[in-house]
Amino acid sequence: MNNDLKVFAGSSHPEFAQAICEYLELDLGSSHTVHFSNENMLVQIEENVRGCDVFVVQTSASPVHEHLFELLLTIDALRSASARRVTAVMPYIPYIRSDKKDRPRISIAARLVADLLKTSGADRVLTMDLHSPQSQGFFQMPVDQLLGAGPLCERLRREDRDDWVLVAADAGEAKDLGRFANRLDLPMAIVDKRREGDDEKPKAVSLIGDVDGKVAVVIDDEIASGGTLVEAAEFLKKHGARRVLASATHPIFSANAAERIDEAFLEKVIVTDTVPLRDDQQSEKVEVISVAPLFAEAIVRIHDGRSVSKLFNPATMRELMAMD
């Protein structure tokens, strides 16, 4: 590995950053974050990065605002230390769901975060599964978006898929569901879900497709409070599904999501490690697969100037997941 490639990490998900470095056979870059009594922070880079191609790993995890600002300070510190290029590696980007002005006098916060990254000195962003395609246009820099469908489909291939139906938790997920259906060659169904306000209490009202007597596998980009998933599972049960599984890229697991999953008509929930799960977010029903090798391979390709799109190839994905 070239000695001008360096990987640093904030404090949001150190295990993920370490897994990337193990794949790359690199030592994690040395830095130090100080928390002052007035709640200000200081980030110091503790090694020479002059002329280096630097990647900073920081995801959206509690406390979200503290981790976001720590990332901005780290990027700014690397710029001050004369790093040649700085890439923000953000498996899950904070505020990415705030991607539209759907009511009067509100901020499109996803665009604001993109502007803050630019201002701090980031040259590019590496992420996974943005909440919506238009979010990529908010960034005034190149954005490489990896897809969770690849590694999740490779995990789902290990299951006996007889009588499976892939289900979009709502109409907005239907397009992304097609990636899974094409890779796994399975039929689809869609839950028609309606949500009023910000109470995170969605209501399923109808089903497009047939799940009677079948194994329904709910696909979504993220699980936040678990309300959408639990509602969908119960709705599918009422429509005759004999088993319900689920798969999602980002396990946000806010509030009591893990408890909801434990009590729901759900057999298994497969997620990735883009976001760390605290002890109180654990569930025996939840299985976490690592996408660190995928991010590590993307980092190598960005560093070498090679195409990242090859990572979308099913054969390449199968090889990466086998290595993991």
C-alpha atoms as a PDB file:
ATOM      1  CA  MET A   1       0.000   0.000   0.000  1.00  0.00           C
ATOM      2  CA  ASN A   2       1.279   3.483  -0.859  1.00  0.00           C
ATOM      3  CA  ASN A   3       2.570   5.348   2.180  1.00  0.00           C
ATOM      4  CA  ASP A   4       0.733   8.528   1.167  1.00  0.00           C
ATOM      5  CA  LEU A   5      -2.647   6.871   1.903  1.00  0.00           C
ATOM      6  CA  LYS A   6      -3.825   7.467   5.453  1.00  0.00           C
ATOM      7  CA  VAL A   7      -7.058   6.628   7.275  1.00  0.00           C
ATOM      8  CA  PHE A   8      -8.210   8.550  10.338  1.00  0.00           C
ATOM      9  CA  ALA A   9     -11.362   8.125  12.387  1.00  0.00           C
ATOM     10  CA  GLY A  10     -13.631  10.144  14.594  1.00  0.00           C
ATOM     11  CA  SER A  11     -15.154   8.654  17.726  1.00  0.00           C
ATOM     12  CA  SER A  12     -18.519   7.587  16.271  1.00  0.00           C
ATOM     13  CA  HIS A  13     -17.597   4.081  15.057  1.00  0.00           C
ATOM     14  CA  PRO A  14     -13.967   3.144  15.815  1.00  0.00           C
ATOM     15  CA  GLU A  15     -14.554  -0.583  15.180  1.00  0.00           C
ATOM     16  CA  PHE A  16     -15.641   0.138  11.619  1.00  0.00           C
ATOM     17  CA  ALA A  17     -12.569   2.298  10.954  1.00  0.00           C
ATOM     18  CA  GLN A  18     -10.303  -0.369  12.436  1.00  0.00           C
ATOM     19  CA  ALA A  19     -11.871  -3.041  10.197  1.00  0.00           C
ATOM     20  CA  ILE A  20     -11.160  -0.854   7.158  1.00  0.00           C
ATOM     21  CA  CYS A  21      -7.530  -0.474   8.209  1.00  0.00           C
ATOM     22  CA  GLU A  22      -7.150  -4.220   8.787  1.00  0.00           C
ATOM     23  CA  TYR A  23      -8.383  -4.850   5.248  1.00  0.00           C
ATOM     24  CA  LEU A  24      -5.956  -2.247   3.887  1.00  0.00           C
ATOM     25  CA  GLU A  25      -3.121  -3.474   6.136  1.00  0.00           C
ATOM     26  CA  LEU A  26      -2.651   0.052   7.452  1.00  0.00           C
ATOM     27  CA  ASP A  27      -2.336   1.494  10.936  1.00  0.00           C
ATOM     28  CA  LEU A  28      -5.163   3.819  11.867  1.00  0.00           C
ATOM     29  CA  GLY A  29      -3.993   7.419  11.785  1.00  0.00           C
ATOM     30  CA  SER A  30      -3.219   8.988  15.143  1.00  0.00           C
ATOM     31  CA  SER A  31      -5.378  11.903  16.266  1.00  0.00           C
ATOM     32  CA  HIS A  32      -6.727  13.226  19.527  1.00  0.00           C
ATOM     33  CA  THR A  33     -10.022  14.902  20.408  1.00  0.00           C
ATOM     34  CA  VAL A  34     -10.258  17.070  23.509  1.00  0.00           C
ATOM     35  CA  HIS A  35     -13.626  17.912  25.112  1.00  0.00           C
ATOM     36  CA  PHE A  36     -13.434  21.105  27.132  1.00  0.00           C
ATOM     37  CA  SER A  37     -15.643  21.960  30.095  1.00  0.00           C
ATOM     38  CA  ASN A  38     -17.494  24.550  28.002  1.00  0.00           C
ATOM     39  CA  GLU A  39     -18.505  21.750  25.558  1.00  0.00           C
ATOM     40  CA  ASN A  40     -16.107  22.993  22.875  1.00  0.00           C
ATOM     41  CA  MET A  41     -13.837  20.498  21.128  1.00  0.00           C
ATOM     42  CA  LEU A  42     -10.305  20.471  19.812  1.00  0.00           C
ATOM     43  CA  VAL A  43      -8.988  17.927  17.294  1.00  0.00           C
ATOM     44  CA  GLN A  44      -5.237  17.456  16.875  1.00  0.00           C
ATOM     45  CA  ILE A  45      -3.609  15.331  14.165  1.00  0.00           C
ATOM     46  CA  GLU A  46      -0.667  13.567  15.782  1.00  0.00           C
ATOM     47  CA  GLU A  47       1.329  12.539  12.718  1.00  0.00           C
ATOM     48  CA  ASN A  48       2.623  14.052   9.509  1.00  0.00           C
ATOM     49  CA  VAL A  49       0.020  14.156   6.706  1.00  0.00           C
ATOM     50  CA  ARG A  50       1.686  16.693   4.404  1.00  0.00           C
ATOM     51  CA  GLY A  51       0.955  15.728   0.800  1.00  0.00           C
ATOM     52  CA  CYS A  52      -1.066  12.669   1.831  1.00  0.00           C
ATOM     53  CA  ASP A  53      -4.366  11.322   0.516  1.00  0.00           C
ATOM     54  CA  VAL A  54      -6.430  11.153   3.719  1.00  0.00           C
ATOM     55  CA  PHE A  55      -9.738   9.405   4.432  1.00  0.00           C
ATOM     56  CA  VAL A  56     -11.678  10.288   7.596  1.00  0.00           C
ATOM     57  CA  VAL A  57     -14.221   7.718   8.822  1.00  0.00           C
ATOM     58  CA  GLN A  58     -17.158   9.144  10.756  1.00  0.00           C
ATOM     59  CA  THR A  59     -20.779   8.020  10.659  1.00  0.00           C
ATOM     60  CA  SER A  60     -23.980   9.444  12.105  1.00  0.00           C
ATOM     61  CA  ALA A  61     -24.325   8.048  15.617  1.00  0.00           C
ATOM     62  CA  SER A  62     -25.369   9.410  18.987  1.00  0.00           C
ATOM     63  CA  PRO A  63     -24.534  12.123  19.912  1.00  0.00           C
ATOM     64  CA  VAL A  64     -25.119  13.072  16.277  1.00  0.00           C
ATOM     65  CA  HIS A  65     -24.258  16.779  16.465  1.00  0.00           C
ATOM     66  CA  GLU A  66     -21.073  16.196  18.430  1.00  0.00           C
ATOM     67  CA  HIS A  67     -19.852  13.613  15.943  1.00  0.00           C
ATOM     68  CA  LEU A  68     -20.714  15.820  12.985  1.00  0.00           C
ATOM     69  CA  PHE A  69     -18.744  18.736  14.398  1.00  0.00           C
ATOM     70  CA  GLU A  70     -15.850  16.447  15.326  1.00  0.00           C
ATOM     71  CA  LEU A  71     -15.699  15.405  11.666  1.00  0.00           C
ATOM     72  CA  LEU A  72     -15.683  19.029  10.504  1.00  0.00           C
ATOM     73  CA  LEU A  73     -12.901  19.896  12.939  1.00  0.00           C
ATOM     74  CA  THR A  74     -10.869  16.855  11.861  1.00  0.00           C
ATOM     75  CA  ILE A  75     -11.142  17.764   8.174  1.00  0.00           C
ATOM     76  CA  ASP A  76     -10.181  21.360   8.934  1.00  0.00           C
ATOM     77  CA  ALA A  77      -7.197  20.195  11.004  1.00  0.00           C
ATOM     78  CA  LEU A  78      -6.023  17.935   8.177  1.00  0.00           C
ATOM     79  CA  ARG A  79      -6.289  20.835   5.752  1.00  0.00           C
ATOM     80  CA  SER A  80      -4.225  23.003   8.100  1.00  0.00           C
ATOM     81  CA  ALA A  81      -1.663  20.176   8.237  1.00  0.00           C
ATOM     82  CA  SER A  82      -1.316  20.326   4.412  1.00  0.00           C
ATOM     83  CA  ALA A  83      -3.033  17.055   3.484  1.00  0.00           C
ATOM     84  CA  ARG A  84      -3.190  16.818  -0.313  1.00  0.00           C
ATOM     85  CA  ARG A  85      -6.765  15.533  -0.415  1.00  0.00           C
ATOM     86  CA  VAL A  86      -9.346  14.756   2.267  1.00  0.00           C
ATOM     87  CA  THR A  87     -12.256  12.370   1.745  1.00  0.00           C
ATOM     88  CA  ALA A  88     -15.060  12.185   4.285  1.00  0.00           C
ATOM     89  CA  VAL A  89     -16.016   8.512   4.650  1.00  0.00           C
ATOM     90  CA  MET A  90     -19.556   8.738   6.000  1.00  0.00           C
ATOM     91  CA  PRO A  91     -21.361   5.381   5.892  1.00  0.00           C
ATOM     92  CA  TYR A  92     -24.512   7.137   7.097  1.00  0.00           C
ATOM     93  CA  ILE A  93     -24.769  10.914   6.688  1.00  0.00           C
ATOM     94  CA  PRO A  94     -26.525  12.923   9.432  1.00  0.00           C
ATOM     95  CA  TYR A  95     -29.692  14.763   8.405  1.00  0.00           C
ATOM     96  CA  ILE A  96     -29.788  12.916   5.083  1.00  0.00           C
ATOM     97  CA  ARG A  97     -33.535  12.332   5.464  1.00  0.00           C
ATOM     98  CA  SER A  98     -34.096  16.095   5.506  1.00  0.00           C
ATOM     99  CA  ASP A  99     -33.720  16.305   1.729  1.00  0.00           C
ATOM    100  CA  LYS A 100     -36.734  18.341   0.614  1.00  0.00           C
ATOM    101  CA  LYS A 101     -38.846  21.339   1.537  1.00  0.00           C
ATOM    102  CA  ASP A 102     -42.140  19.586   2.184  1.00  0.00           C
ATOM    103  CA  ARG A 103     -43.587  22.303   4.420  1.00  0.00           C
ATOM    104  CA  PRO A 104     -43.191  26.094   4.696  1.00  0.00           C
ATOM    105  CA  ARG A 105     -40.201  27.790   6.326  1.00  0.00           C
ATOM    106  CA  ILE A 106     -37.976  24.788   7.040  1.00  0.00           C
ATOM    107  CA  SER A 107     -34.326  24.051   6.343  1.00  0.00           C
ATOM    108  CA  ILE A 108     -33.219  21.440   3.832  1.00  0.00           C
ATOM    109  CA  ALA A 109     -30.715  20.198   6.383  1.00  0.00           C
ATOM    110  CA  ALA A 110     -29.091  17.581   4.137  1.00  0.00           C
ATOM    111  CA  ARG A 111     -27.950  20.373   1.819  1.00  0.00           C
ATOM    112  CA  LEU A 112     -26.684  22.356   4.813  1.00  0.00           C
ATOM    113  CA  VAL A 113     -24.555  19.391   5.959  1.00  0.00           C
ATOM    114  CA  ALA A 114     -23.152  19.119   2.432  1.00  0.00           C
ATOM    115  CA  ASP A 115     -22.241  22.816   2.520  1.00  0.00           C
ATOM    116  CA  LEU A 116     -20.552  22.413   5.910  1.00  0.00           C
ATOM    117  CA  LEU A 117     -18.414  19.568   4.583  1.00  0.00           C
ATOM    118  CA  LYS A 118     -17.330  21.750   1.671  1.00  0.00           C
ATOM    119  CA  THR A 119     -16.541  24.672   3.959  1.00  0.00           C
ATOM    120  CA  SER A 120     -14.484  22.483   6.307  1.00  0.00           C
ATOM    121  CA  GLY A 121     -12.256  21.456   3.387  1.00  0.00           C
ATOM    122  CA  ALA A 122     -13.506  18.041   2.292  1.00  0.00           C
ATOM    123  CA  ASP A 123     -12.644  17.206  -1.328  1.00  0.00           C
ATOM    124  CA  ARG A 124     -15.043  14.305  -1.755  1.00  0.00           C
ATOM    125  CA  VAL A 125     -17.459  12.042   0.129  1.00  0.00           C
ATOM    126  CA  LEU A 126     -17.791   8.266   0.292  1.00  0.00           C
ATOM    127  CA  THR A 127     -21.119   7.014   1.634  1.00  0.00           C
ATOM    128  CA  MET A 128     -23.737   4.268   1.345  1.00  0.00           C
ATOM    129  CA  ASP A 129     -27.436   4.373   0.442  1.00  0.00           C
ATOM    130  CA  LEU A 130     -28.456   8.011   0.493  1.00  0.00           C
ATOM    131  CA  HIS A 131     -32.091   8.408   1.512  1.00  0.00           C
ATOM    132  CA  SER A 132     -33.012   9.773  -1.919  1.00  0.00           C
ATOM    133  CA  PRO A 133     -31.153  10.222  -5.238  1.00  0.00           C
ATOM    134  CA  GLN A 134     -31.426  14.010  -5.280  1.00  0.00           C
ATOM    135  CA  SER A 135     -29.315  14.271  -2.113  1.00  0.00           C
ATOM    136  CA  GLN A 136     -26.195  13.582  -4.166  1.00  0.00           C
ATOM    137  CA  GLY A 137     -26.783  16.860  -5.978  1.00  0.00           C
ATOM    138  CA  PHE A 138     -26.484  18.844  -2.757  1.00  0.00           C
ATOM    139  CA  PHE A 139     -22.721  18.283  -2.608  1.00  0.00           C
ATOM    140  CA  GLN A 140     -20.311  20.646  -4.355  1.00  0.00           C
ATOM    141  CA  MET A 141     -17.776  17.827  -4.660  1.00  0.00           C
ATOM    142  CA  PRO A 142     -17.659  14.250  -5.994  1.00  0.00           C
ATOM    143  CA  VAL A 143     -19.768  11.770  -4.028  1.00  0.00           C
ATOM    144  CA  ASP A 144     -19.273   8.017  -4.332  1.00  0.00           C
ATOM    145  CA  GLN A 145     -22.404   6.229  -3.148  1.00  0.00           C
ATOM    146  CA  LEU A 146     -22.020   2.529  -2.392  1.00  0.00           C
ATOM    147  CA  LEU A 147     -25.127   0.344  -2.387  1.00  0.00           C
ATOM    148  CA  GLY A 148     -26.190  -1.842   0.513  1.00  0.00           C
ATOM    149  CA  ALA A 149     -28.152  -4.104  -1.842  1.00  0.00           C
ATOM    150  CA  GLY A 150     -24.980  -5.913  -2.923  1.00  0.00           C
ATOM    151  CA  PRO A 151     -23.737  -7.205   0.446  1.00  0.00           C
ATOM    152  CA  LEU A 152     -27.255  -7.725   1.791  1.00  0.00           C
ATOM    153  CA  CYS A 153     -28.246  -9.813  -1.238  1.00  0.00           C
ATOM    154  CA  GLU A 154     -25.134 -11.943  -0.826  1.00  0.00           C
ATOM    155  CA  ARG A 155     -26.206 -12.627   2.752  1.00  0.00           C
ATOM    156  CA  LEU A 156     -29.783 -13.404   1.709  1.00  0.00           C
ATOM    157  CA  ARG A 157     -28.522 -15.894  -0.884  1.00  0.00           C
ATOM    158  CA  ARG A 158     -27.451 -18.162   1.977  1.00  0.00           C
ATOM    159  CA  GLU A 159     -31.081 -18.645   3.013  1.00  0.00           C
ATOM    160  CA  ASP A 160     -33.556 -21.132   1.554  1.00  0.00           C
ATOM    161  CA  ARG A 161     -35.557 -18.732  -0.632  1.00  0.00           C
ATOM    162  CA  ASP A 162     -38.487 -20.979  -1.546  1.00  0.00           C
ATOM    163  CA  ASP A 163     -41.782 -19.055  -1.610  1.00  0.00           C
ATOM    164  CA  TRP A 164     -40.056 -15.746  -0.870  1.00  0.00           C
ATOM    165  CA  VAL A 165     -41.586 -12.388  -1.751  1.00  0.00           C
ATOM    166  CA  LEU A 166     -39.590  -9.186  -1.362  1.00  0.00           C
ATOM    167  CA  VAL A 167     -41.682  -6.400   0.139  1.00  0.00           C
ATOM    168  CA  ALA A 168     -41.139  -2.642   0.027  1.00  0.00           C
ATOM    169  CA  ALA A 169     -42.059  -1.172   3.410  1.00  0.00           C
ATOM    170  CA  ASP A 170     -43.620   1.788   1.579  1.00  0.00           C
ATOM    171  CA  ALA A 171     -44.048   3.075  -1.971  1.00  0.00           C
ATOM    172  CA  GLY A 172     -40.897   5.183  -1.726  1.00  0.00           C
ATOM    173  CA  GLU A 173     -38.769   2.064  -1.297  1.00  0.00           C
ATOM    174  CA  ALA A 174     -40.228   0.326  -4.374  1.00  0.00           C
ATOM    175  CA  LYS A 175     -37.495   1.479  -6.770  1.00  0.00           C
ATOM    176  CA  ASP A 176     -34.673   0.336  -4.499  1.00  0.00           C
ATOM    177  CA  LEU A 177     -36.507  -2.951  -3.993  1.00  0.00           C
ATOM    178  CA  GLY A 178     -35.965  -3.649  -7.690  1.00  0.00           C
ATOM    179  CA  ARG A 179     -32.201  -3.985  -7.092  1.00  0.00           C
ATOM    180  CA  PHE A 180     -32.850  -6.817  -4.661  1.00  0.00           C
ATOM    181  CA  ALA A 181     -35.467  -8.456  -6.875  1.00  0.00           C
ATOM    182  CA  ASN A 182     -33.170  -8.412  -9.909  1.00  0.00           C
ATOM    183  CA  ARG A 183     -30.218  -9.844  -8.002  1.00  0.00           C
ATOM    184  CA  LEU A 184     -32.229 -12.552  -6.256  1.00  0.00           C
ATOM    185  CA  ASP A 185     -34.762 -13.186  -9.063  1.00  0.00           C
ATOM    186  CA  LEU A 186     -37.726 -12.903  -6.703  1.00  0.00           C
ATOM    187  CA  PRO A 187     -41.233 -11.379  -6.957  1.00  0.00           C
ATOM    188  CA  MET A 188     -42.137  -8.100  -5.256  1.00  0.00           C
ATOM    189  CA  ALA A 189     -44.948  -6.623  -3.216  1.00  0.00           C
ATOM    190  CA  ILE A 190     -45.489  -3.111  -1.849  1.00  0.00           C
ATOM    191  CA  VAL A 191     -47.092  -1.965   1.402  1.00  0.00           C
ATOM    192  CA  ASP A 192     -49.111   1.213   0.916  1.00  0.00           C
ATOM    193  CA  LYS A 193     -48.204   3.171   4.034  1.00  0.00           C
ATOM    194  CA  ARG A 194     -49.392   6.592   5.090  1.00  0.00           C
ATOM    195  CA  ARG A 195     -47.746   8.844   7.691  1.00  0.00           C
ATOM    196  CA  GLU A 196     -49.200  11.996   9.206  1.00  0.00           C
ATOM    197  CA  GLY A 197     -46.906  14.552  10.824  1.00  0.00           C
ATOM    198  CA  ASP A 198     -43.630  13.679  12.579  1.00  0.00           C
ATOM    199  CA  ASP A 199     -44.948  11.171  15.119  1.00  0.00           C
ATOM    200  CA  GLU A 200     -43.152   8.182  13.485  1.00  0.00           C
ATOM    201  CA  LYS A 201     -46.406   6.200  13.589  1.00  0.00           C
ATOM    202  CA  PRO A 202     -47.023   5.030  10.016  1.00  0.00           C
ATOM    203  CA  LYS A 203     -50.238   3.295   9.057  1.00  0.00           C
ATOM    204  CA  ALA A 204     -50.374   0.509   6.453  1.00  0.00           C
ATOM    205  CA  VAL A 205     -53.610   0.740   4.466  1.00  0.00           C
ATOM    206  CA  SER A 206     -53.286  -1.701   1.544  1.00  0.00           C
ATOM    207  CA  LEU A 207     -50.997  -4.254  -0.106  1.00  0.00           C
ATOM    208  CA  ILE A 208     -49.949  -4.435  -3.735  1.00  0.00           C
ATOM    209  CA  GLY A 209     -48.975  -8.026  -4.485  1.00  0.00           C
ATOM    210  CA  ASP A 210     -49.545 -11.435  -2.910  1.00  0.00           C
ATOM    211  CA  VAL A 211     -47.905 -12.751   0.266  1.00  0.00           C
ATOM    212  CA  ASP A 212     -50.493 -15.357   1.278  1.00  0.00           C
ATOM    213  CA  GLY A 213     -48.705 -18.512   2.470  1.00  0.00           C
ATOM    214  CA  LYS A 214     -45.330 -17.048   1.551  1.00  0.00           C
ATOM    215  CA  VAL A 215     -42.204 -15.808   3.317  1.00  0.00           C
ATOM    216  CA  ALA A 216     -42.254 -12.016   3.185  1.00  0.00           C
ATOM    217  CA  VAL A 217     -38.900 -10.224   3.315  1.00  0.00           C
ATOM    218  CA  VAL A 218     -39.270  -6.508   4.065  1.00  0.00           C
ATOM    219  CA  ILE A 219     -36.593  -4.337   2.430  1.00  0.00           C
ATOM    220  CA  ASP A 220     -35.833  -0.779   3.537  1.00  0.00           C
ATOM    221  CA  ASP A 221     -32.886   1.613   3.472  1.00  0.00           C
ATOM    222  CA  GLU A 222     -32.930   2.195   7.235  1.00  0.00           C
ATOM    223  CA  ILE A 223     -34.687   1.249  10.453  1.00  0.00           C
ATOM    224  CA  ALA A 224     -35.183   4.244  12.731  1.00  0.00           C
ATOM    225  CA  SER A 225     -37.792   3.817  15.457  1.00  0.00           C
ATOM    226  CA  GLY A 226     -38.895   0.507  13.953  1.00  0.00           C
ATOM    227  CA  GLY A 227     -42.453   1.752  13.505  1.00  0.00           C
ATOM    228  CA  THR A 228     -42.561   1.212   9.746  1.00  0.00           C
ATOM    229  CA  LEU A 229     -41.058  -2.277   9.992  1.00  0.00           C
ATOM    230  CA  VAL A 230     -43.274  -3.497  12.826  1.00  0.00           C
ATOM    231  CA  GLU A 231     -46.398  -2.107  11.181  1.00  0.00           C
ATOM    232  CA  ALA A 232     -45.451  -3.774   7.898  1.00  0.00           C
ATOM    233  CA  ALA A 233     -44.762  -7.125   9.603  1.00  0.00           C
ATOM    234  CA  GLU A 234     -48.142  -7.168  11.341  1.00  0.00           C
ATOM    235  CA  PHE A 235     -49.882  -6.079   8.143  1.00  0.00           C
ATOM    236  CA  LEU A 236     -48.200  -8.860   6.157  1.00  0.00           C
ATOM    237  CA  LYS A 237     -49.190 -11.391   8.808  1.00  0.00           C
ATOM    238  CA  LYS A 238     -52.841 -10.307   8.431  1.00  0.00           C
ATOM    239  CA  HIS A 239     -52.496 -10.864   4.686  1.00  0.00           C
ATOM    240  CA  GLY A 240     -51.371 -14.449   5.166  1.00  0.00           C
ATOM    241  CA  ALA A 241     -47.563 -14.298   5.290  1.00  0.00           C
ATOM    242  CA  ARG A 242     -46.370 -17.349   7.244  1.00  0.00           C
ATOM    243  CA  ARG A 243     -43.001 -15.801   8.103  1.00  0.00           C
ATOM    244  CA  VAL A 244     -41.603 -12.278   7.961  1.00  0.00           C
ATOM    245  CA  LEU A 245     -37.917 -11.368   7.684  1.00  0.00           C
ATOM    246  CA  ALA A 246     -36.380  -7.960   7.080  1.00  0.00           C
ATOM    247  CA  SER A 247     -33.246  -6.396   5.677  1.00  0.00           C
ATOM    248  CA  ALA A 248     -32.032  -2.805   5.891  1.00  0.00           C
ATOM    249  CA  THR A 249     -28.768  -0.979   5.345  1.00  0.00           C
ATOM    250  CA  HIS A 250     -28.721   1.476   8.252  1.00  0.00           C
ATOM    251  CA  PRO A 251     -29.711   0.263  11.766  1.00  0.00           C
ATOM    252  CA  ILE A 252     -30.467   3.606  13.398  1.00  0.00           C
ATOM    253  CA  PHE A 253     -32.569   1.898  16.099  1.00  0.00           C
ATOM    254  CA  SER A 254     -33.743   5.076  17.813  1.00  0.00           C
ATOM    255  CA  ALA A 255     -36.038   5.067  20.849  1.00  0.00           C
ATOM    256  CA  ASN A 256     -37.046   1.489  21.704  1.00  0.00           C
ATOM    257  CA  ALA A 257     -36.617  -0.002  18.235  1.00  0.00           C
ATOM    258  CA  ALA A 258     -34.847  -3.145  19.469  1.00  0.00           C
ATOM    259  CA  GLU A 259     -37.646  -3.858  21.935  1.00  0.00           C
ATOM    260  CA  ARG A 260     -40.235  -3.377  19.198  1.00  0.00           C
ATOM    261  CA  ILE A 261     -38.395  -5.813  16.947  1.00  0.00           C
ATOM    262  CA  ASP A 262     -38.205  -8.391  19.742  1.00  0.00           C
ATOM    263  CA  GLU A 263     -41.974  -8.231  20.263  1.00  0.00           C
ATOM    264  CA  ALA A 264     -42.960  -8.099  16.571  1.00  0.00           C
ATOM    265  CA  PHE A 265     -43.911 -10.838  14.122  1.00  0.00           C
ATOM    266  CA  LEU A 266     -40.365 -10.880  12.791  1.00  0.00           C
ATOM    267  CA  GLU A 267     -38.093 -13.888  12.526  1.00  0.00           C
ATOM    268  CA  LYS A 268     -34.837 -12.148  11.599  1.00  0.00           C
ATOM    269  CA  VAL A 269     -33.589  -8.659  10.725  1.00  0.00           C
ATOM    270  CA  ILE A 270     -30.369  -8.407   8.711  1.00  0.00           C
ATOM    271  CA  VAL A 271     -28.551  -5.058   8.751  1.00  0.00           C
ATOM    272  CA  THR A 272     -25.077  -3.710   7.997  1.00  0.00           C
ATOM    273  CA  ASP A 273     -22.595  -2.037  10.338  1.00  0.00           C
ATOM    274  CA  THR A 274     -22.792   1.462   8.827  1.00  0.00           C
ATOM    275  CA  VAL A 275     -24.025   2.570  12.259  1.00  0.00           C
ATOM    276  CA  PRO A 276     -22.833   1.059  15.565  1.00  0.00           C
ATOM    277  CA  LEU A 277     -25.355  -0.647  17.839  1.00  0.00           C
ATOM    278  CA  ARG A 278     -25.115   0.165  21.539  1.00  0.00           C
ATOM    279  CA  ASP A 279     -25.789  -2.482  24.173  1.00  0.00           C
ATOM    280  CA  ASP A 280     -29.368  -1.248  24.610  1.00  0.00           C
ATOM    281  CA  GLN A 281     -29.939  -1.571  20.851  1.00  0.00           C
ATOM    282  CA  GLN A 282     -29.105  -5.266  20.655  1.00  0.00           C
ATOM    283  CA  SER A 283     -31.618  -7.968  19.766  1.00  0.00           C
ATOM    284  CA  GLU A 284     -31.250 -11.692  19.223  1.00  0.00           C
ATOM    285  CA  LYS A 285     -33.313 -11.262  16.062  1.00  0.00           C
ATOM    286  CA  VAL A 286     -30.833  -8.793  14.562  1.00  0.00           C
ATOM    287  CA  GLU A 287     -27.874 -10.004  12.509  1.00  0.00           C
ATOM    288  CA  VAL A 288     -25.184  -7.503  11.526  1.00  0.00           C
ATOM    289  CA  ILE A 289     -22.998  -8.004   8.450  1.00  0.00           C
ATOM    290  CA  SER A 290     -19.917  -5.886   7.840  1.00  0.00           C
ATOM    291  CA  VAL A 291     -19.545  -3.599   4.831  1.00  0.00           C
ATOM    292  CA  ALA A 292     -16.099  -2.442   5.978  1.00  0.00           C
ATOM    293  CA  PRO A 293     -14.366  -4.514   3.235  1.00  0.00           C
ATOM    294  CA  LEU A 294     -16.543  -2.805   0.619  1.00  0.00           C
ATOM    295  CA  PHE A 295     -15.635   0.649   1.949  1.00  0.00           C
ATOM    296  CA  ALA A 296     -11.966  -0.352   2.150  1.00  0.00           C
ATOM    297  CA  GLU A 297     -11.963  -1.491  -1.473  1.00  0.00           C
ATOM    298  CA  ALA A 298     -13.656   1.769  -2.501  1.00  0.00           C
ATOM    299  CA  ILE A 299     -10.974   3.737  -0.634  1.00  0.00           C
ATOM    300  CA  VAL A 300      -8.223   1.894  -2.509  1.00  0.00           C
ATOM    301  CA  ARG A 301      -9.914   2.584  -5.839  1.00  0.00           C
ATOM    302  CA  ILE A 302     -10.426   6.272  -5.086  1.00  0.00           C
ATOM    303  CA  HIS A 303      -6.808   6.562  -3.986  1.00  0.00           C
ATOM    304  CA  ASP A 304      -5.501   4.824  -7.125  1.00  0.00           C
ATOM    305  CA  GLY A 305      -7.856   6.665  -9.483  1.00  0.00           C
ATOM    306  CA  ARG A 306      -9.670   3.478 -10.505  1.00  0.00           C
ATOM    307  CA  SER A 307     -13.395   3.031 -11.096  1.00  0.00           C
ATOM    308  CA  VAL A 308     -15.593   2.503  -8.056  1.00  0.00           C
ATOM    309  CA  SER A 309     -18.512   1.286 -10.180  1.00  0.00           C
ATOM    310  CA  LYS A 310     -16.913  -2.149 -10.522  1.00  0.00           C
ATOM    311  CA  LEU A 311     -17.903  -2.714  -6.907  1.00  0.00           C
ATOM    312  CA  PHE A 312     -21.534  -2.859  -8.029  1.00  0.00           C
ATOM    313  CA  ASN A 313     -20.767  -6.046  -9.979  1.00  0.00           C
ATOM    314  CA  PRO A 314     -22.350  -9.107  -8.266  1.00  0.00           C
ATOM    315  CA  ALA A 315     -19.250 -11.256  -8.835  1.00  0.00           C
ATOM    316  CA  THR A 316     -16.986  -8.639  -7.225  1.00  0.00           C
ATOM    317  CA  MET A 317     -19.427  -8.291  -4.335  1.00  0.00           C
ATOM    318  CA  ARG A 318     -19.503 -12.055  -3.813  1.00  0.00           C
ATOM    319  CA  GLU A 319     -15.715 -12.110  -3.638  1.00  0.00           C
ATOM    320  CA  LEU A 320     -15.595  -9.259  -1.105  1.00  0.00           C
ATOM    321  CA  MET A 321     -18.220 -10.828   1.133  1.00  0.00           C
ATOM    322  CA  ALA A 322     -16.409 -14.177   0.999  1.00  0.00           C
ATOM    323  CA  MET A 323     -13.239 -12.442   2.210  1.00  0.00           C
ATOM    324  CA  ASP A 324     -15.176 -11.013   5.119  1.00  0.00           C
END
